[in-house]
Amino acid sequence: MCNTNVKIERSELLNGTDDGEAVQEDLSWHAVYTRMHHERKTADRLTRQDIQTYMPVQTIMRQWSDRNKTVEVLVIPTLFFMRIPKNKQLHVLRDPSVSRFLTVSGEKIPAITPGQQMEQFHFMVGRANSPIKIDPDKLVAGDQVRVMKGSLKGLEGTFIKQQGRCMLYIQLDQLGNAGIVISASDVEVK
C-alpha cells in the first residue's frame, strides 16, 4: 500500500508572474530524512501544504511465536520522497520532524532522483509480492532485463544472482538500488 496522495507523472507546475505570463517551475523528486517513526505524520503535514509526497510502504507477513500478522512497513525507514521546486527546500527543512535531505555524495546539495527512477520504484513497491531490499552498493555488472510475466510485468532492471537467489534491481541514484527476489523464468534480456 502506498501513500494515496501520489500521482507520479511528468508535468510542471505553472505559476503566474507579475506581468501575467506563466512560467514553468521545475519540480524534482528529493528524498528527505525524518526523525524515527515520524515519516507518516511528516508526509501528511507536507501534503496538506500542497507538497507532493511519496512514502514507499509495503504490506508483509510478520511471524511471531504464536501467530502471523499482516503489517505495513516502510521500505526505507526514516525516509520518504517529495516532489518540490528548489525554492521550497528551505520551507521543508523548517518542519520540526525533517532532519535533512538526501545529498549528493561528497556534496551538500540535495540529490535529485530522476522521474523515471521514481516511476519504476513506485511500480515495484505497488506490485511486489515479496519484501523489497534496498542495497546501497552500485551495480557494475549484470544483464539488463524486462519482467515478462507476473505482478511485475513490464518492469525493467538489472538481473543478478546473489547468495544463490535471483534478484531484480532498479537503480535509485544516491540511495543505491531497490531489489526483489524474482524467478529467472519470469524475465528476458533486453
C-alpha atoms as a PDB file:
ATOM      1  CA  MET A   1       0.000   0.000   0.000  1.00  0.00           C
ATOM      2  CA  CYS A   2       1.315   3.413  -0.922  1.00  0.00           C
ATOM      3  CA  ASN A   3       0.546   6.939   0.103  1.00  0.00           C
ATOM      4  CA  THR A   4      -2.645   7.758  -1.813  1.00  0.00           C
ATOM      5  CA  ASN A   5      -1.638  11.390  -2.291  1.00  0.00           C
ATOM      6  CA  VAL A   6       0.780  10.392  -5.021  1.00  0.00           C
ATOM      7  CA  LYS A   7       0.326  10.564  -8.720  1.00  0.00           C
ATOM      8  CA  ILE A   8       3.628  10.171 -10.477  1.00  0.00           C
ATOM      9  CA  GLU A   9       3.575  11.982 -13.773  1.00  0.00           C
ATOM     10  CA  ARG A  10       5.819  14.114 -15.924  1.00  0.00           C
ATOM     11  CA  SER A  11       4.408  17.596 -15.564  1.00  0.00           C
ATOM     12  CA  GLU A  12       5.411  21.034 -14.410  1.00  0.00           C
ATOM     13  CA  LEU A  13       3.634  23.369 -12.056  1.00  0.00           C
ATOM     14  CA  LEU A  14       2.534  26.596 -13.674  1.00  0.00           C
ATOM     15  CA  ASN A  15       2.703  29.817 -11.659  1.00  0.00           C
ATOM     16  CA  GLY A  16       1.643  33.247 -12.766  1.00  0.00           C
ATOM     17  CA  THR A  17       4.179  36.065 -12.825  1.00  0.00           C
ATOM     18  CA  ASP A  18       3.706  39.790 -12.189  1.00  0.00           C
ATOM     19  CA  ASP A  19       3.351  40.510 -15.894  1.00  0.00           C
ATOM     20  CA  GLY A  20       0.665  37.870 -16.409  1.00  0.00           C
ATOM     21  CA  GLU A  21       2.897  35.299 -18.109  1.00  0.00           C
ATOM     22  CA  ALA A  22       3.027  31.698 -16.974  1.00  0.00           C
ATOM     23  CA  VAL A  23       6.431  30.242 -16.173  1.00  0.00           C
ATOM     24  CA  GLN A  24       7.372  26.629 -15.649  1.00  0.00           C
ATOM     25  CA  GLU A  25       8.723  25.764 -12.249  1.00  0.00           C
ATOM     26  CA  ASP A  26      10.902  22.656 -12.253  1.00  0.00           C
ATOM     27  CA  LEU A  27       9.642  20.043  -9.846  1.00  0.00           C
ATOM     28  CA  SER A  28      12.194  17.467  -8.774  1.00  0.00           C
ATOM     29  CA  TRP A  29      11.958  14.329  -6.662  1.00  0.00           C
ATOM     30  CA  HIS A  30      14.009  14.542  -3.466  1.00  0.00           C
ATOM     31  CA  ALA A  31      14.440  12.099  -0.587  1.00  0.00           C
ATOM     32  CA  VAL A  32      14.140  13.564   2.888  1.00  0.00           C
ATOM     33  CA  TYR A  33      15.124  12.008   6.218  1.00  0.00           C
ATOM     34  CA  THR A  34      12.844  12.375   9.222  1.00  0.00           C
ATOM     35  CA  ARG A  35      13.008  11.597  12.898  1.00  0.00           C
ATOM     36  CA  MET A  36      12.379   7.909  13.660  1.00  0.00           C
ATOM     37  CA  HIS A  37       8.667   6.983  13.450  1.00  0.00           C
ATOM     38  CA  HIS A  38       7.686  10.469  12.187  1.00  0.00           C
ATOM     39  CA  GLU A  39       7.570   9.592   8.472  1.00  0.00           C
ATOM     40  CA  ARG A  40       3.785   9.298   8.067  1.00  0.00           C
ATOM     41  CA  LYS A  41       2.850  12.389  10.069  1.00  0.00           C
ATOM     42  CA  THR A  42       5.535  14.467   8.358  1.00  0.00           C
ATOM     43  CA  ALA A  43       4.436  13.338   4.882  1.00  0.00           C
ATOM     44  CA  ASP A  44       0.789  14.063   5.751  1.00  0.00           C
ATOM     45  CA  ARG A  45       1.671  17.508   7.127  1.00  0.00           C
ATOM     46  CA  LEU A  46       3.641  18.420   3.973  1.00  0.00           C
ATOM     47  CA  THR A  47       0.871  17.054   1.746  1.00  0.00           C
ATOM     48  CA  ARG A  48      -1.600  19.400   3.464  1.00  0.00           C
ATOM     49  CA  GLN A  49       0.805  22.219   2.471  1.00  0.00           C
ATOM     50  CA  ASP A  50       0.395  21.224  -1.221  1.00  0.00           C
ATOM     51  CA  ILE A  51       3.708  19.357  -1.413  1.00  0.00           C
ATOM     52  CA  GLN A  52       3.529  16.107  -3.363  1.00  0.00           C
ATOM     53  CA  THR A  53       4.894  13.253  -1.222  1.00  0.00           C
ATOM     54  CA  TYR A  54       5.532   9.543  -1.734  1.00  0.00           C
ATOM     55  CA  MET A  55       6.192   7.237   1.181  1.00  0.00           C
ATOM     56  CA  PRO A  56       7.045   3.708  -0.052  1.00  0.00           C
ATOM     57  CA  VAL A  57       5.088   1.310   2.153  1.00  0.00           C
ATOM     58  CA  GLN A  58       4.819  -2.437   1.700  1.00  0.00           C
ATOM     59  CA  THR A  59       2.437  -4.948   3.270  1.00  0.00           C
ATOM     60  CA  ILE A  60       4.298  -8.006   4.553  1.00  0.00           C
ATOM     61  CA  MET A  61       3.585 -11.024   6.741  1.00  0.00           C
ATOM     62  CA  ARG A  62       5.343 -10.939  10.131  1.00  0.00           C
ATOM     63  CA  GLN A  63       5.687 -14.125  12.132  1.00  0.00           C
ATOM     64  CA  TRP A  64       5.595 -14.151  15.918  1.00  0.00           C
ATOM     65  CA  SER A  65       5.899 -17.243  18.071  1.00  0.00           C
ATOM     66  CA  ASP A  66       2.126 -17.551  18.448  1.00  0.00           C
ATOM     67  CA  ARG A  67       0.725 -16.040  15.243  1.00  0.00           C
ATOM     68  CA  ASN A  68       1.266 -14.491  11.830  1.00  0.00           C
ATOM     69  CA  LYS A  69       0.142 -10.949  11.136  1.00  0.00           C
ATOM     70  CA  THR A  70      -0.003  -8.746   8.051  1.00  0.00           C
ATOM     71  CA  VAL A  71       1.639  -5.379   8.729  1.00  0.00           C
ATOM     72  CA  GLU A  72       2.555  -2.287   6.738  1.00  0.00           C
ATOM     73  CA  VAL A  73       6.246  -1.425   6.858  1.00  0.00           C
ATOM     74  CA  LEU A  74       8.265   1.358   5.319  1.00  0.00           C
ATOM     75  CA  VAL A  75      10.539   0.181   2.543  1.00  0.00           C
ATOM     76  CA  ILE A  76      13.144   2.738   3.696  1.00  0.00           C
ATOM     77  CA  PRO A  77      12.710   3.657   7.377  1.00  0.00           C
ATOM     78  CA  THR A  78      13.064   7.378   8.269  1.00  0.00           C
ATOM     79  CA  LEU A  79      12.920   8.411   4.604  1.00  0.00           C
ATOM     80  CA  PHE A  80      10.251   9.440   2.127  1.00  0.00           C
ATOM     81  CA  PHE A  81      10.196  11.265  -1.203  1.00  0.00           C
ATOM     82  CA  MET A  82       8.737  14.590  -2.205  1.00  0.00           C
ATOM     83  CA  ARG A  83       8.420  16.442  -5.477  1.00  0.00           C
ATOM     84  CA  ILE A  84       9.196  20.106  -4.970  1.00  0.00           C
ATOM     85  CA  PRO A  85      10.772  23.086  -6.707  1.00  0.00           C
ATOM     86  CA  LYS A  86      14.170  24.250  -5.497  1.00  0.00           C
ATOM     87  CA  ASN A  87      12.719  27.323  -3.803  1.00  0.00           C
ATOM     88  CA  LYS A  88      10.654  25.172  -1.366  1.00  0.00           C
ATOM     89  CA  GLN A  89      13.618  23.205   0.028  1.00  0.00           C
ATOM     90  CA  LEU A  90      14.168  25.599   2.916  1.00  0.00           C
ATOM     91  CA  HIS A  91      10.452  25.517   3.726  1.00  0.00           C
ATOM     92  CA  VAL A  92      10.621  21.709   4.031  1.00  0.00           C
ATOM     93  CA  LEU A  93      13.695  21.861   6.280  1.00  0.00           C
ATOM     94  CA  ARG A  94      11.763  24.103   8.695  1.00  0.00           C
ATOM     95  CA  ASP A  95       9.419  21.221   9.527  1.00  0.00           C
ATOM     96  CA  PRO A  96      10.371  20.043  13.046  1.00  0.00           C
ATOM     97  CA  SER A  97      10.405  16.366  12.043  1.00  0.00           C
ATOM     98  CA  VAL A  98      12.575  16.762   8.935  1.00  0.00           C
ATOM     99  CA  SER A  99      16.239  16.031   9.627  1.00  0.00           C
ATOM    100  CA  ARG A 100      17.804  16.664   6.229  1.00  0.00           C
ATOM    101  CA  PHE A 101      17.667  15.978   2.517  1.00  0.00           C
ATOM    102  CA  LEU A 102      19.497  13.031   0.999  1.00  0.00           C
ATOM    103  CA  THR A 103      22.531  14.719  -0.567  1.00  0.00           C
ATOM    104  CA  VAL A 104      24.826  14.022  -3.470  1.00  0.00           C
ATOM    105  CA  SER A 105      27.785  12.017  -2.188  1.00  0.00           C
ATOM    106  CA  GLY A 106      30.550  14.343  -1.028  1.00  0.00           C
ATOM    107  CA  GLU A 107      28.467  17.495  -1.513  1.00  0.00           C
ATOM    108  CA  LYS A 108      25.878  19.446   0.439  1.00  0.00           C
ATOM    109  CA  ILE A 109      23.287  19.897  -2.303  1.00  0.00           C
ATOM    110  CA  PRO A 110      20.076  17.819  -2.143  1.00  0.00           C
ATOM    111  CA  ALA A 111      20.139  14.845  -4.501  1.00  0.00           C
ATOM    112  CA  ILE A 112      17.544  14.700  -7.262  1.00  0.00           C
ATOM    113  CA  THR A 113      16.001  11.313  -8.057  1.00  0.00           C
ATOM    114  CA  PRO A 114      15.092  11.211 -11.777  1.00  0.00           C
ATOM    115  CA  GLY A 115      11.385  10.873 -12.563  1.00  0.00           C
ATOM    116  CA  GLN A 116      11.840   7.619 -14.486  1.00  0.00           C
ATOM    117  CA  GLN A 117      13.558   6.005 -11.490  1.00  0.00           C
ATOM    118  CA  MET A 118      10.705   7.165  -9.230  1.00  0.00           C
ATOM    119  CA  GLU A 119       8.165   5.695 -11.653  1.00  0.00           C
ATOM    120  CA  GLN A 120       9.987   2.344 -11.655  1.00  0.00           C
ATOM    121  CA  PHE A 121      10.334   2.342  -7.857  1.00  0.00           C
ATOM    122  CA  HIS A 122       6.651   3.237  -7.386  1.00  0.00           C
ATOM    123  CA  PHE A 123       5.697   0.433  -9.787  1.00  0.00           C
ATOM    124  CA  MET A 124       7.912  -2.062  -7.918  1.00  0.00           C
ATOM    125  CA  VAL A 125       6.555  -1.101  -4.496  1.00  0.00           C
ATOM    126  CA  GLY A 126       2.963  -1.251  -5.702  1.00  0.00           C
ATOM    127  CA  ARG A 127       3.221  -4.666  -7.309  1.00  0.00           C
ATOM    128  CA  ALA A 128       5.865  -6.605  -5.355  1.00  0.00           C
ATOM    129  CA  ASN A 129       4.809  -9.903  -3.814  1.00  0.00           C
ATOM    130  CA  SER A 130       7.917 -10.220  -1.646  1.00  0.00           C
ATOM    131  CA  PRO A 131       9.824  -7.763   0.553  1.00  0.00           C
ATOM    132  CA  ILE A 132      11.919  -5.123  -1.216  1.00  0.00           C
ATOM    133  CA  LYS A 133      15.506  -4.759  -0.081  1.00  0.00           C
ATOM    134  CA  ILE A 134      17.473  -1.534  -0.515  1.00  0.00           C
ATOM    135  CA  ASP A 135      21.085  -2.283  -1.412  1.00  0.00           C
ATOM    136  CA  PRO A 136      23.406   0.746  -1.160  1.00  0.00           C
ATOM    137  CA  ASP A 137      26.037  -0.769  -3.455  1.00  0.00           C
ATOM    138  CA  LYS A 138      26.106   0.485  -7.010  1.00  0.00           C
ATOM    139  CA  LEU A 139      25.741  -2.270  -9.602  1.00  0.00           C
ATOM    140  CA  VAL A 140      28.571  -2.618 -12.048  1.00  0.00           C
ATOM    141  CA  ALA A 141      27.832  -5.815 -13.928  1.00  0.00           C
ATOM    142  CA  GLY A 142      24.627  -7.660 -14.812  1.00  0.00           C
ATOM    143  CA  ASP A 143      22.159  -8.122 -17.612  1.00  0.00           C
ATOM    144  CA  GLN A 144      19.504  -5.503 -18.248  1.00  0.00           C
ATOM    145  CA  VAL A 145      16.202  -7.381 -18.185  1.00  0.00           C
ATOM    146  CA  ARG A 146      12.461  -6.872 -18.544  1.00  0.00           C
ATOM    147  CA  VAL A 147       9.929  -8.824 -16.476  1.00  0.00           C
ATOM    148  CA  MET A 148       7.665 -10.732 -18.874  1.00  0.00           C
ATOM    149  CA  LYS A 149       5.054 -12.220 -16.530  1.00  0.00           C
ATOM    150  CA  GLY A 150       3.701 -11.962 -13.041  1.00  0.00           C
ATOM    151  CA  SER A 151       2.752  -8.922 -10.990  1.00  0.00           C
ATOM    152  CA  LEU A 152       5.909  -7.004 -12.035  1.00  0.00           C
ATOM    153  CA  LYS A 153       5.333  -7.479 -15.782  1.00  0.00           C
ATOM    154  CA  GLY A 154       6.921  -4.623 -17.743  1.00  0.00           C
ATOM    155  CA  LEU A 155       9.409  -3.595 -15.045  1.00  0.00           C
ATOM    156  CA  GLU A 156      12.962  -3.206 -16.332  1.00  0.00           C
ATOM    157  CA  GLY A 157      16.072  -3.542 -14.229  1.00  0.00           C
ATOM    158  CA  THR A 158      19.339  -5.366 -13.638  1.00  0.00           C
ATOM    159  CA  PHE A 159      19.302  -9.097 -13.025  1.00  0.00           C
ATOM    160  CA  ILE A 160      21.928 -10.693 -10.792  1.00  0.00           C
ATOM    161  CA  LYS A 161      22.402 -13.808  -8.698  1.00  0.00           C
ATOM    162  CA  GLN A 162      23.120 -13.119  -5.053  1.00  0.00           C
ATOM    163  CA  GLN A 163      23.648 -15.814  -2.437  1.00  0.00           C
ATOM    164  CA  GLY A 164      22.037 -18.371  -4.734  1.00  0.00           C
ATOM    165  CA  ARG A 165      18.915 -16.264  -5.307  1.00  0.00           C
ATOM    166  CA  CYS A 166      17.870 -14.426  -8.458  1.00  0.00           C
ATOM    167  CA  MET A 167      17.326 -10.718  -7.844  1.00  0.00           C
ATOM    168  CA  LEU A 168      15.968  -7.866  -9.956  1.00  0.00           C
ATOM    169  CA  TYR A 169      17.364  -4.440  -9.081  1.00  0.00           C
ATOM    170  CA  ILE A 170      16.337  -0.980 -10.143  1.00  0.00           C
ATOM    171  CA  GLN A 171      18.692   1.916  -9.531  1.00  0.00           C
ATOM    172  CA  LEU A 172      17.798   4.863  -7.313  1.00  0.00           C
ATOM    173  CA  ASP A 173      20.528   7.494  -7.679  1.00  0.00           C
ATOM    174  CA  GLN A 174      22.259   8.407  -4.405  1.00  0.00           C
ATOM    175  CA  LEU A 175      20.254   5.771  -2.481  1.00  0.00           C
ATOM    176  CA  GLY A 176      21.608   2.713  -4.244  1.00  0.00           C
ATOM    177  CA  ASN A 177      19.381   0.000  -5.624  1.00  0.00           C
ATOM    178  CA  ALA A 178      15.998  -1.475  -4.760  1.00  0.00           C
ATOM    179  CA  GLY A 179      15.965  -5.242  -5.199  1.00  0.00           C
ATOM    180  CA  ILE A 180      13.443  -8.038  -5.115  1.00  0.00           C
ATOM    181  CA  VAL A 181      13.721 -11.820  -5.444  1.00  0.00           C
ATOM    182  CA  ILE A 182      12.382 -12.960  -8.798  1.00  0.00           C
ATOM    183  CA  SER A 183      12.323 -16.166 -10.830  1.00  0.00           C
ATOM    184  CA  ALA A 184      14.761 -16.307 -13.746  1.00  0.00           C
ATOM    185  CA  SER A 185      11.952 -17.742 -15.892  1.00  0.00           C
ATOM    186  CA  ASP A 186       9.944 -14.512 -15.462  1.00  0.00           C
ATOM    187  CA  VAL A 187      12.455 -12.247 -17.217  1.00  0.00           C
ATOM    188  CA  GLU A 188      14.025 -11.793 -20.635  1.00  0.00           C
ATOM    189  CA  VAL A 189      17.201  -9.952 -21.588  1.00  0.00           C
ATOM    190  CA  LYS A 190      16.512  -6.567 -23.220  1.00  0.00           C
END
